[in-house]
Amino acid sequence: MIFKEFSKLFLIVFILSLVPTYNLISYGEKASLIREEIGGEQISLVEVFLYIVVSTVVLLFLFKTKFGKLVIKLLELLMVFFSIFFLVSLWFLPLEINEELGFIASSLAVLARIKNMFRNEIAILAIGGVASLMGFFFSPSQSLLFLAILAIYDYIAVFKTKHMIELAKNISKEDLSFLVRKSYAKNYSPRLKEKEIERKREGLRKGEGKRKVIGFVEMGGGDFLVPAMLASSFLKIGFFYSFLIIIGTLAGLFVLERLLLRLRRPLPAIPILGGGIFLSLTLGYLISLLLKLI
């Protein structure tokens, strides 16, 4: 269930982020203007990582204060507006009205989130917008280094300090679009053994019982953003490498599902997805070398 459902979402995020990056690569003059508006040729890797750490600390603090939840909701709306604005305006970069389309789309998304509608859909769109920009500004080597740093941080945040688990619970409770959620049906549980899962699924197909939602699996926005950012960054040197990153991500997602079914506990996704990406890139590079020798 995890692999089937989330692999579709990952593929959507990859498409959403790769098209704007391709447009930025293709339309150099407009891309230069966007660089100037955002602030320079490159984004500092250290600054982005510190921003993530500080943002996490601030969010944890705000969840414990009286008016913190209201502030967090406003931050969510700002994130949604600017992320989707960039996504849509870059998707339609060749058009003269691309910014107008971006404004309309982002405004509609904000209105939807005010009414607590379309959490998953808006989260996916916002992730695509941020991933495309980060991928465009980061070099491939910077992207790989950023993945390695975040993998270590994710491991520590989930297994050691456990603050990422606390943050995810608070975000889920407030129904914010900082994560993506997929629900379980009544007769499906990651706690069951694989054979039992298949038996229960067969029972559902035969109409035994009603499909009532009793639980869900959640993945943070960063789990989607980092692979998409890498694919966008590597697009600058060729789609072949972006394709390898997509394959590696899906392989890592499959392993993540197996581990969740076996261990029955929250797991850091970025190290596992990153492992699949590194393996896929390495194998792809070795294959390309062999082809050159032949």
C-alpha atoms as a PDB file:
ATOM      1  CA  MET A   1       0.000   0.000   0.000  1.00  0.00           C
ATOM      2  CA  ILE A   2       2.770   2.441   0.970  1.00  0.00           C
ATOM      3  CA  PHE A   3       4.807   1.885  -2.180  1.00  0.00           C
ATOM      4  CA  LYS A   4       1.802   1.841  -4.527  1.00  0.00           C
ATOM      5  CA  GLU A   5       0.210   5.017  -3.197  1.00  0.00           C
ATOM      6  CA  PHE A   6       3.287   7.078  -2.428  1.00  0.00           C
ATOM      7  CA  SER A   7       5.152   6.139  -5.614  1.00  0.00           C
ATOM      8  CA  LYS A   8       2.386   7.870  -7.580  1.00  0.00           C
ATOM      9  CA  LEU A   9       2.813  10.993  -5.474  1.00  0.00           C
ATOM     10  CA  PHE A  10       6.587  10.946  -5.890  1.00  0.00           C
ATOM     11  CA  LEU A  11       6.225  10.709  -9.668  1.00  0.00           C
ATOM     12  CA  ILE A  12       3.843  13.676  -9.642  1.00  0.00           C
ATOM     13  CA  VAL A  13       6.317  15.726  -7.590  1.00  0.00           C
ATOM     14  CA  PHE A  14       9.132  14.816 -10.000  1.00  0.00           C
ATOM     15  CA  ILE A  15       7.090  15.987 -12.988  1.00  0.00           C
ATOM     16  CA  LEU A  16       6.001  19.155 -11.205  1.00  0.00           C
ATOM     17  CA  SER A  17       9.583  20.098 -10.339  1.00  0.00           C
ATOM     18  CA  LEU A  18      11.357  19.044 -13.548  1.00  0.00           C
ATOM     19  CA  VAL A  19       9.227  21.102 -15.948  1.00  0.00           C
ATOM     20  CA  PRO A  20       9.964  24.470 -14.243  1.00  0.00           C
ATOM     21  CA  THR A  21      13.667  23.603 -14.041  1.00  0.00           C
ATOM     22  CA  TYR A  22      13.687  22.759 -17.746  1.00  0.00           C
ATOM     23  CA  ASN A  23      12.007  26.089 -18.498  1.00  0.00           C
ATOM     24  CA  LEU A  24      14.576  27.949 -16.396  1.00  0.00           C
ATOM     25  CA  ILE A  25      17.386  26.194 -18.261  1.00  0.00           C
ATOM     26  CA  SER A  26      15.787  26.887 -21.646  1.00  0.00           C
ATOM     27  CA  TYR A  27      14.866  30.539 -21.103  1.00  0.00           C
ATOM     28  CA  GLY A  28      18.155  32.020 -19.945  1.00  0.00           C
ATOM     29  CA  GLU A  29      17.132  35.691 -19.949  1.00  0.00           C
ATOM     30  CA  LYS A  30      14.077  35.146 -17.770  1.00  0.00           C
ATOM     31  CA  ALA A  31      16.039  32.804 -15.532  1.00  0.00           C
ATOM     32  CA  SER A  32      18.629  35.539 -14.935  1.00  0.00           C
ATOM     33  CA  LEU A  33      15.890  37.933 -13.842  1.00  0.00           C
ATOM     34  CA  ILE A  34      14.520  35.329 -11.440  1.00  0.00           C
ATOM     35  CA  ARG A  35      18.013  34.781 -10.017  1.00  0.00           C
ATOM     36  CA  GLU A  36      18.332  38.521  -9.350  1.00  0.00           C
ATOM     37  CA  GLU A  37      14.876  38.710  -7.743  1.00  0.00           C
ATOM     38  CA  ILE A  38      15.605  35.788  -5.407  1.00  0.00           C
ATOM     39  CA  GLY A  39      19.101  36.930  -4.583  1.00  0.00           C
ATOM     40  CA  GLY A  40      22.120  35.868  -6.546  1.00  0.00           C
ATOM     41  CA  GLU A  41      23.704  33.077  -8.530  1.00  0.00           C
ATOM     42  CA  GLN A  42      23.865  30.466  -5.788  1.00  0.00           C
ATOM     43  CA  ILE A  43      22.018  29.648  -2.589  1.00  0.00           C
ATOM     44  CA  SER A  44      24.269  28.874   0.378  1.00  0.00           C
ATOM     45  CA  LEU A  45      24.055  25.233   1.420  1.00  0.00           C
ATOM     46  CA  VAL A  46      24.874  26.096   5.018  1.00  0.00           C
ATOM     47  CA  GLU A  47      22.224  28.822   5.142  1.00  0.00           C
ATOM     48  CA  VAL A  48      19.519  26.478   3.849  1.00  0.00           C
ATOM     49  CA  PHE A  49      20.422  23.784   6.377  1.00  0.00           C
ATOM     50  CA  LEU A  50      20.481  26.294   9.238  1.00  0.00           C
ATOM     51  CA  TYR A  51      17.111  27.589   8.055  1.00  0.00           C
ATOM     52  CA  ILE A  52      15.691  24.061   8.296  1.00  0.00           C
ATOM     53  CA  VAL A  53      17.077  23.512  11.800  1.00  0.00           C
ATOM     54  CA  VAL A  54      15.960  26.917  13.091  1.00  0.00           C
ATOM     55  CA  SER A  55      12.513  26.527  11.508  1.00  0.00           C
ATOM     56  CA  THR A  56      12.089  23.167  13.227  1.00  0.00           C
ATOM     57  CA  VAL A  57      13.007  24.634  16.617  1.00  0.00           C
ATOM     58  CA  VAL A  58      10.687  27.617  16.099  1.00  0.00           C
ATOM     59  CA  LEU A  59       7.765  25.389  15.075  1.00  0.00           C
ATOM     60  CA  LEU A  60       8.236  23.146  18.113  1.00  0.00           C
ATOM     61  CA  PHE A  61       8.239  26.222  20.334  1.00  0.00           C
ATOM     62  CA  LEU A  62       5.172  27.762  18.674  1.00  0.00           C
ATOM     63  CA  PHE A  63       3.142  24.569  19.089  1.00  0.00           C
ATOM     64  CA  LYS A  64       3.594  24.950  22.854  1.00  0.00           C
ATOM     65  CA  THR A  65       2.505  28.601  23.061  1.00  0.00           C
ATOM     66  CA  LYS A  66      -0.976  30.073  23.372  1.00  0.00           C
ATOM     67  CA  PHE A  67      -1.124  31.791  19.982  1.00  0.00           C
ATOM     68  CA  GLY A  68       1.508  29.645  18.330  1.00  0.00           C
ATOM     69  CA  LYS A  69      -0.929  27.572  16.293  1.00  0.00           C
ATOM     70  CA  LEU A  70      -2.335  30.728  14.691  1.00  0.00           C
ATOM     71  CA  VAL A  71       1.172  31.879  13.773  1.00  0.00           C
ATOM     72  CA  ILE A  72       1.964  28.461  12.307  1.00  0.00           C
ATOM     73  CA  LYS A  73      -1.222  28.564  10.229  1.00  0.00           C
ATOM     74  CA  LEU A  74      -0.193  31.961   8.848  1.00  0.00           C
ATOM     75  CA  LEU A  75       3.270  30.580   8.049  1.00  0.00           C
ATOM     76  CA  GLU A  76       1.639  27.676   6.243  1.00  0.00           C
ATOM     77  CA  LEU A  77      -0.448  30.054   4.129  1.00  0.00           C
ATOM     78  CA  LEU A  78       2.641  32.113   3.235  1.00  0.00           C
ATOM     79  CA  MET A  79       4.545  28.971   2.287  1.00  0.00           C
ATOM     80  CA  VAL A  80       1.666  27.770   0.135  1.00  0.00           C
ATOM     81  CA  PHE A  81       1.268  31.116  -1.603  1.00  0.00           C
ATOM     82  CA  PHE A  82       4.896  31.660  -2.587  1.00  0.00           C
ATOM     83  CA  SER A  83       5.655  28.013  -3.400  1.00  0.00           C
ATOM     84  CA  ILE A  84       2.693  27.592  -5.727  1.00  0.00           C
ATOM     85  CA  PHE A  85       3.240  31.044  -7.204  1.00  0.00           C
ATOM     86  CA  PHE A  86       6.747  30.029  -8.246  1.00  0.00           C
ATOM     87  CA  LEU A  87       5.591  26.610  -9.437  1.00  0.00           C
ATOM     88  CA  VAL A  88       2.839  27.864 -11.732  1.00  0.00           C
ATOM     89  CA  SER A  89       4.688  30.941 -12.978  1.00  0.00           C
ATOM     90  CA  LEU A  90       7.705  28.784 -13.872  1.00  0.00           C
ATOM     91  CA  TRP A  91       5.566  26.070 -15.462  1.00  0.00           C
ATOM     92  CA  PHE A  92       4.157  28.730 -17.784  1.00  0.00           C
ATOM     93  CA  LEU A  93       7.408  30.692 -18.070  1.00  0.00           C
ATOM     94  CA  PRO A  94       7.168  30.939 -21.902  1.00  0.00           C
ATOM     95  CA  LEU A  95       3.882  32.869 -21.578  1.00  0.00           C
ATOM     96  CA  GLU A  96       3.692  36.598 -20.936  1.00  0.00           C
ATOM     97  CA  ILE A  97       0.977  36.079 -18.310  1.00  0.00           C
ATOM     98  CA  ASN A  98       2.893  33.454 -16.338  1.00  0.00           C
ATOM     99  CA  GLU A  99       3.049  35.576 -13.173  1.00  0.00           C
ATOM    100  CA  GLU A 100      -0.660  36.379 -13.364  1.00  0.00           C
ATOM    101  CA  LEU A 101      -1.432  32.669 -13.616  1.00  0.00           C
ATOM    102  CA  GLY A 102       0.859  32.025 -10.669  1.00  0.00           C
ATOM    103  CA  PHE A 103      -0.910  34.647  -8.569  1.00  0.00           C
ATOM    104  CA  ILE A 104      -4.345  33.235  -9.364  1.00  0.00           C
ATOM    105  CA  ALA A 105      -3.300  29.644  -8.603  1.00  0.00           C
ATOM    106  CA  SER A 106      -1.538  30.527  -5.347  1.00  0.00           C
ATOM    107  CA  SER A 107      -4.478  32.661  -4.176  1.00  0.00           C
ATOM    108  CA  LEU A 108      -6.907  29.808  -4.808  1.00  0.00           C
ATOM    109  CA  ALA A 109      -4.606  27.426  -2.926  1.00  0.00           C
ATOM    110  CA  VAL A 110      -4.485  29.773   0.069  1.00  0.00           C
ATOM    111  CA  LEU A 111      -8.282  30.046   0.108  1.00  0.00           C
ATOM    112  CA  ALA A 112      -8.526  26.252   0.017  1.00  0.00           C
ATOM    113  CA  ARG A 113      -6.129  25.886   2.959  1.00  0.00           C
ATOM    114  CA  ILE A 114      -8.027  28.519   4.967  1.00  0.00           C
ATOM    115  CA  LYS A 115     -10.996  26.164   4.682  1.00  0.00           C
ATOM    116  CA  ASN A 116      -8.704  23.176   5.421  1.00  0.00           C
ATOM    117  CA  MET A 117      -9.315  21.648   1.990  1.00  0.00           C
ATOM    118  CA  PHE A 118      -7.003  19.703  -0.377  1.00  0.00           C
ATOM    119  CA  ARG A 119      -4.142  19.263   2.088  1.00  0.00           C
ATOM    120  CA  ASN A 120      -2.321  16.546   0.133  1.00  0.00           C
ATOM    121  CA  GLU A 121      -2.831  18.156  -3.268  1.00  0.00           C
ATOM    122  CA  ILE A 122      -1.633  21.581  -2.139  1.00  0.00           C
ATOM    123  CA  ALA A 123       1.310  20.076  -0.257  1.00  0.00           C
ATOM    124  CA  ILE A 124       2.426  18.254  -3.414  1.00  0.00           C
ATOM    125  CA  LEU A 125       2.159  21.437  -5.504  1.00  0.00           C
ATOM    126  CA  ALA A 126       4.077  23.477  -2.936  1.00  0.00           C
ATOM    127  CA  ILE A 127       6.820  20.841  -2.717  1.00  0.00           C
ATOM    128  CA  GLY A 128       7.168  20.851  -6.502  1.00  0.00           C
ATOM    129  CA  GLY A 129       7.657  24.617  -6.531  1.00  0.00           C
ATOM    130  CA  VAL A 130      10.329  24.653  -3.830  1.00  0.00           C
ATOM    131  CA  ALA A 131      12.136  21.614  -5.279  1.00  0.00           C
ATOM    132  CA  SER A 132      12.402  23.150  -8.740  1.00  0.00           C
ATOM    133  CA  LEU A 133      13.919  26.380  -7.408  1.00  0.00           C
ATOM    134  CA  MET A 134      16.369  24.625  -5.094  1.00  0.00           C
ATOM    135  CA  GLY A 135      17.367  22.234  -7.863  1.00  0.00           C
ATOM    136  CA  PHE A 136      17.986  25.096 -10.256  1.00  0.00           C
ATOM    137  CA  PHE A 137      20.152  27.045  -7.824  1.00  0.00           C
ATOM    138  CA  PHE A 138      22.054  24.059  -6.393  1.00  0.00           C
ATOM    139  CA  SER A 139      24.753  22.388  -8.455  1.00  0.00           C
ATOM    140  CA  PRO A 140      24.573  18.564  -8.679  1.00  0.00           C
ATOM    141  CA  SER A 141      27.485  18.221  -6.246  1.00  0.00           C
ATOM    142  CA  GLN A 142      25.821  20.615  -3.801  1.00  0.00           C
ATOM    143  CA  SER A 143      22.586  18.648  -4.064  1.00  0.00           C
ATOM    144  CA  LEU A 144      24.338  15.381  -3.229  1.00  0.00           C
ATOM    145  CA  LEU A 145      26.107  16.985  -0.269  1.00  0.00           C
ATOM    146  CA  PHE A 146      22.794  18.457   0.902  1.00  0.00           C
ATOM    147  CA  LEU A 147      21.195  14.996   0.678  1.00  0.00           C
ATOM    148  CA  ALA A 148      23.988  13.486   2.776  1.00  0.00           C
ATOM    149  CA  ILE A 149      23.691  16.212   5.436  1.00  0.00           C
ATOM    150  CA  LEU A 150      19.910  15.887   5.635  1.00  0.00           C
ATOM    151  CA  ALA A 151      20.130  12.091   5.809  1.00  0.00           C
ATOM    152  CA  ILE A 152      22.333  12.351   8.902  1.00  0.00           C
ATOM    153  CA  TYR A 153      20.091  15.038  10.406  1.00  0.00           C
ATOM    154  CA  ASP A 154      16.939  13.002   9.696  1.00  0.00           C
ATOM    155  CA  TYR A 155      18.444   9.938  11.373  1.00  0.00           C
ATOM    156  CA  ILE A 156      19.373  11.924  14.487  1.00  0.00           C
ATOM    157  CA  ALA A 157      16.021  13.757  14.586  1.00  0.00           C
ATOM    158  CA  VAL A 158      14.006  10.519  14.454  1.00  0.00           C
ATOM    159  CA  PHE A 159      16.113   8.014  16.411  1.00  0.00           C
ATOM    160  CA  LYS A 160      18.143  10.140  18.848  1.00  0.00           C
ATOM    161  CA  THR A 161      16.472  13.445  19.764  1.00  0.00           C
ATOM    162  CA  LYS A 162      13.072  12.263  18.440  1.00  0.00           C
ATOM    163  CA  HIS A 163      12.018  15.883  17.938  1.00  0.00           C
ATOM    164  CA  MET A 164      10.999  15.168  14.343  1.00  0.00           C
ATOM    165  CA  ILE A 165       8.416  12.640  15.573  1.00  0.00           C
ATOM    166  CA  GLU A 166       7.005  15.233  17.975  1.00  0.00           C
ATOM    167  CA  LEU A 167       6.876  17.833  15.208  1.00  0.00           C
ATOM    168  CA  ALA A 168       5.134  15.424  12.812  1.00  0.00           C
ATOM    169  CA  LYS A 169       2.488  14.608  15.431  1.00  0.00           C
ATOM    170  CA  ASN A 170       1.747  18.298  15.986  1.00  0.00           C
ATOM    171  CA  ILE A 171       1.583  19.038  12.251  1.00  0.00           C
ATOM    172  CA  SER A 172      -0.713  16.065  11.697  1.00  0.00           C
ATOM    173  CA  LYS A 173      -2.973  17.097  14.566  1.00  0.00           C
ATOM    174  CA  GLU A 174      -3.398  20.594  13.095  1.00  0.00           C
ATOM    175  CA  ASP A 175      -3.936  19.187   9.571  1.00  0.00           C
ATOM    176  CA  LEU A 176      -1.203  21.361   8.039  1.00  0.00           C
ATOM    177  CA  SER A 177       0.111  20.919   4.503  1.00  0.00           C
ATOM    178  CA  PHE A 178       3.697  20.319   5.653  1.00  0.00           C
ATOM    179  CA  LEU A 179       3.215  16.588   5.203  1.00  0.00           C
ATOM    180  CA  VAL A 180       1.335  14.127   2.991  1.00  0.00           C
ATOM    181  CA  ARG A 181      -1.071  11.561   4.423  1.00  0.00           C
ATOM    182  CA  LYS A 182      -2.536   8.386   2.997  1.00  0.00           C
ATOM    183  CA  SER A 183      -5.251   6.508   4.876  1.00  0.00           C
ATOM    184  CA  TYR A 184      -5.606   2.807   5.583  1.00  0.00           C
ATOM    185  CA  ALA A 185      -8.764   0.821   4.940  1.00  0.00           C
ATOM    186  CA  LYS A 186     -10.326  -1.183   7.758  1.00  0.00           C
ATOM    187  CA  ASN A 187      -8.797  -4.518   6.822  1.00  0.00           C
ATOM    188  CA  TYR A 188      -5.317  -3.172   6.125  1.00  0.00           C
ATOM    189  CA  SER A 189      -2.623  -2.601   8.724  1.00  0.00           C
ATOM    190  CA  PRO A 190       1.172  -2.349   8.459  1.00  0.00           C
ATOM    191  CA  ARG A 191       1.314  -4.369  11.668  1.00  0.00           C
ATOM    192  CA  LEU A 192       0.062  -7.493   9.934  1.00  0.00           C
ATOM    193  CA  LYS A 193       2.413  -9.932   8.295  1.00  0.00           C
ATOM    194  CA  GLU A 194       2.585  -9.831   4.530  1.00  0.00           C
ATOM    195  CA  LYS A 195       0.577 -13.018   4.052  1.00  0.00           C
ATOM    196  CA  GLU A 196      -2.080 -11.741   6.394  1.00  0.00           C
ATOM    197  CA  ILE A 197      -2.205  -8.488   4.435  1.00  0.00           C
ATOM    198  CA  GLU A 198      -2.824 -10.364   1.208  1.00  0.00           C
ATOM    199  CA  ARG A 199      -5.531 -12.441   2.865  1.00  0.00           C
ATOM    200  CA  LYS A 200      -7.264  -9.357   4.175  1.00  0.00           C
ATOM    201  CA  ARG A 201      -7.034  -7.654   0.802  1.00  0.00           C
ATOM    202  CA  GLU A 202      -8.654 -10.676  -0.827  1.00  0.00           C
ATOM    203  CA  GLY A 203     -11.397 -10.464   1.747  1.00  0.00           C
ATOM    204  CA  LEU A 204     -12.016  -6.839   0.816  1.00  0.00           C
ATOM    205  CA  ARG A 205     -12.179  -7.728  -2.863  1.00  0.00           C
ATOM    206  CA  LYS A 206     -14.854 -10.324  -2.064  1.00  0.00           C
ATOM    207  CA  GLY A 207     -16.898  -7.721  -0.207  1.00  0.00           C
ATOM    208  CA  GLU A 208     -16.218  -8.922   3.320  1.00  0.00           C
ATOM    209  CA  GLY A 209     -16.780  -5.976   5.620  1.00  0.00           C
ATOM    210  CA  LYS A 210     -16.869  -2.251   4.966  1.00  0.00           C
ATOM    211  CA  ARG A 211     -13.807  -0.197   4.072  1.00  0.00           C
ATOM    212  CA  LYS A 212     -13.633   2.088   7.096  1.00  0.00           C
ATOM    213  CA  VAL A 213     -10.613   4.325   7.553  1.00  0.00           C
ATOM    214  CA  ILE A 214      -8.908   3.668  10.881  1.00  0.00           C
ATOM    215  CA  GLY A 215      -5.313   4.794  10.357  1.00  0.00           C
ATOM    216  CA  PHE A 216      -2.850   6.448   8.019  1.00  0.00           C
ATOM    217  CA  VAL A 217       0.759   6.714   6.882  1.00  0.00           C
ATOM    218  CA  GLU A 218       2.406  10.128   6.684  1.00  0.00           C
ATOM    219  CA  MET A 219       5.546  11.384   4.980  1.00  0.00           C
ATOM    220  CA  GLY A 220       7.037  14.796   5.572  1.00  0.00           C
ATOM    221  CA  GLY A 221       7.313  17.350   2.809  1.00  0.00           C
ATOM    222  CA  GLY A 222      11.097  17.116   2.975  1.00  0.00           C
ATOM    223  CA  ASP A 223      10.958  13.416   2.085  1.00  0.00           C
ATOM    224  CA  PHE A 224       9.431  14.401  -1.258  1.00  0.00           C
ATOM    225  CA  LEU A 225      11.352  17.631  -1.702  1.00  0.00           C
ATOM    226  CA  VAL A 226      14.918  16.307  -1.442  1.00  0.00           C
ATOM    227  CA  PRO A 227      14.720  13.660  -4.231  1.00  0.00           C
ATOM    228  CA  ALA A 228      12.838  16.099  -6.486  1.00  0.00           C
ATOM    229  CA  MET A 229      15.444  18.786  -5.796  1.00  0.00           C
ATOM    230  CA  LEU A 230      18.195  16.351  -6.782  1.00  0.00           C
ATOM    231  CA  ALA A 231      16.419  15.350  -9.992  1.00  0.00           C
ATOM    232  CA  SER A 232      15.950  19.026 -10.905  1.00  0.00           C
ATOM    233  CA  SER A 233      19.589  19.829 -10.156  1.00  0.00           C
ATOM    234  CA  PHE A 234      20.930  16.918 -12.220  1.00  0.00           C
ATOM    235  CA  LEU A 235      18.662  17.890 -15.117  1.00  0.00           C
ATOM    236  CA  LYS A 236      21.247  20.567 -15.886  1.00  0.00           C
ATOM    237  CA  ILE A 237      23.719  17.854 -16.924  1.00  0.00           C
ATOM    238  CA  GLY A 238      21.212  15.517 -18.545  1.00  0.00           C
ATOM    239  CA  PHE A 239      17.827  13.863 -18.059  1.00  0.00           C
ATOM    240  CA  PHE A 240      19.540  10.460 -17.826  1.00  0.00           C
ATOM    241  CA  TYR A 241      20.785  11.344 -14.343  1.00  0.00           C
ATOM    242  CA  SER A 242      17.394  12.722 -13.306  1.00  0.00           C
ATOM    243  CA  PHE A 243      15.867   9.439 -14.460  1.00  0.00           C
ATOM    244  CA  LEU A 244      18.377   7.495 -12.353  1.00  0.00           C
ATOM    245  CA  ILE A 245      17.389   9.581  -9.324  1.00  0.00           C
ATOM    246  CA  ILE A 246      13.715   8.791  -9.931  1.00  0.00           C
ATOM    247  CA  ILE A 247      14.480   5.061 -10.152  1.00  0.00           C
ATOM    248  CA  GLY A 248      16.651   5.226  -7.033  1.00  0.00           C
ATOM    249  CA  THR A 249      13.927   7.045  -5.104  1.00  0.00           C
ATOM    250  CA  LEU A 250      11.334   4.433  -6.001  1.00  0.00           C
ATOM    251  CA  ALA A 251      13.745   1.657  -5.024  1.00  0.00           C
ATOM    252  CA  GLY A 252      14.348   3.380  -1.688  1.00  0.00           C
ATOM    253  CA  LEU A 253      10.590   3.784  -1.193  1.00  0.00           C
ATOM    254  CA  PHE A 254      10.113   0.046  -1.738  1.00  0.00           C
ATOM    255  CA  VAL A 255      12.760  -0.713   0.896  1.00  0.00           C
ATOM    256  CA  LEU A 256      11.128   1.796   3.243  1.00  0.00           C
ATOM    257  CA  GLU A 257       7.808  -0.029   2.922  1.00  0.00           C
ATOM    258  CA  ARG A 258       9.470  -3.368   3.736  1.00  0.00           C
ATOM    259  CA  LEU A 259      11.144  -1.875   6.804  1.00  0.00           C
ATOM    260  CA  LEU A 260       7.931  -0.244   8.043  1.00  0.00           C
ATOM    261  CA  LEU A 261       6.078  -3.527   7.754  1.00  0.00           C
ATOM    262  CA  ARG A 262       8.809  -5.346   9.644  1.00  0.00           C
ATOM    263  CA  LEU A 263       9.834  -2.814  12.317  1.00  0.00           C
ATOM    264  CA  ARG A 264       6.418  -1.192  12.974  1.00  0.00           C
ATOM    265  CA  ARG A 265       7.860   2.162  14.062  1.00  0.00           C
ATOM    266  CA  PRO A 266       8.506   5.642  12.626  1.00  0.00           C
ATOM    267  CA  LEU A 267      11.543   5.680  10.349  1.00  0.00           C
ATOM    268  CA  PRO A 268      13.636   8.470   8.807  1.00  0.00           C
ATOM    269  CA  ALA A 269      12.815   8.344   5.100  1.00  0.00           C
ATOM    270  CA  ILE A 270      15.604  10.517   3.688  1.00  0.00           C
ATOM    271  CA  PRO A 271      18.501   8.139   4.554  1.00  0.00           C
ATOM    272  CA  ILE A 272      16.638   5.215   2.951  1.00  0.00           C
ATOM    273  CA  LEU A 273      15.550   7.137  -0.136  1.00  0.00           C
ATOM    274  CA  GLY A 274      19.020   8.663  -0.356  1.00  0.00           C
ATOM    275  CA  GLY A 275      20.594   5.220  -0.251  1.00  0.00           C
ATOM    276  CA  GLY A 276      18.519   4.204  -3.257  1.00  0.00           C
ATOM    277  CA  ILE A 277      19.515   7.382  -5.087  1.00  0.00           C
ATOM    278  CA  PHE A 278      23.249   6.958  -4.417  1.00  0.00           C
ATOM    279  CA  LEU A 279      23.093   3.315  -5.514  1.00  0.00           C
ATOM    280  CA  SER A 280      21.179   4.166  -8.682  1.00  0.00           C
ATOM    281  CA  LEU A 281      23.559   6.990  -9.635  1.00  0.00           C
ATOM    282  CA  THR A 282      26.588   4.801  -8.974  1.00  0.00           C
ATOM    283  CA  LEU A 283      25.255   1.923 -11.073  1.00  0.00           C
ATOM    284  CA  GLY A 284      24.248   4.316 -13.848  1.00  0.00           C
ATOM    285  CA  TYR A 285      27.692   5.892 -13.873  1.00  0.00           C
ATOM    286  CA  LEU A 286      29.417   2.512 -14.029  1.00  0.00           C
ATOM    287  CA  ILE A 287      27.153   1.367 -16.853  1.00  0.00           C
ATOM    288  CA  SER A 288      27.894   4.550 -18.814  1.00  0.00           C
ATOM    289  CA  LEU A 289      31.640   3.919 -18.368  1.00  0.00           C
ATOM    290  CA  LEU A 290      31.286   0.345 -19.633  1.00  0.00           C
ATOM    291  CA  LEU A 291      29.334   1.530 -22.667  1.00  0.00           C
ATOM    292  CA  LYS A 292      32.100   4.018 -23.481  1.00  0.00           C
ATOM    293  CA  LEU A 293      34.726   1.288 -23.260  1.00  0.00           C
ATOM    294  CA  ILE A 294      32.700  -0.923 -25.584  1.00  0.00           C
END
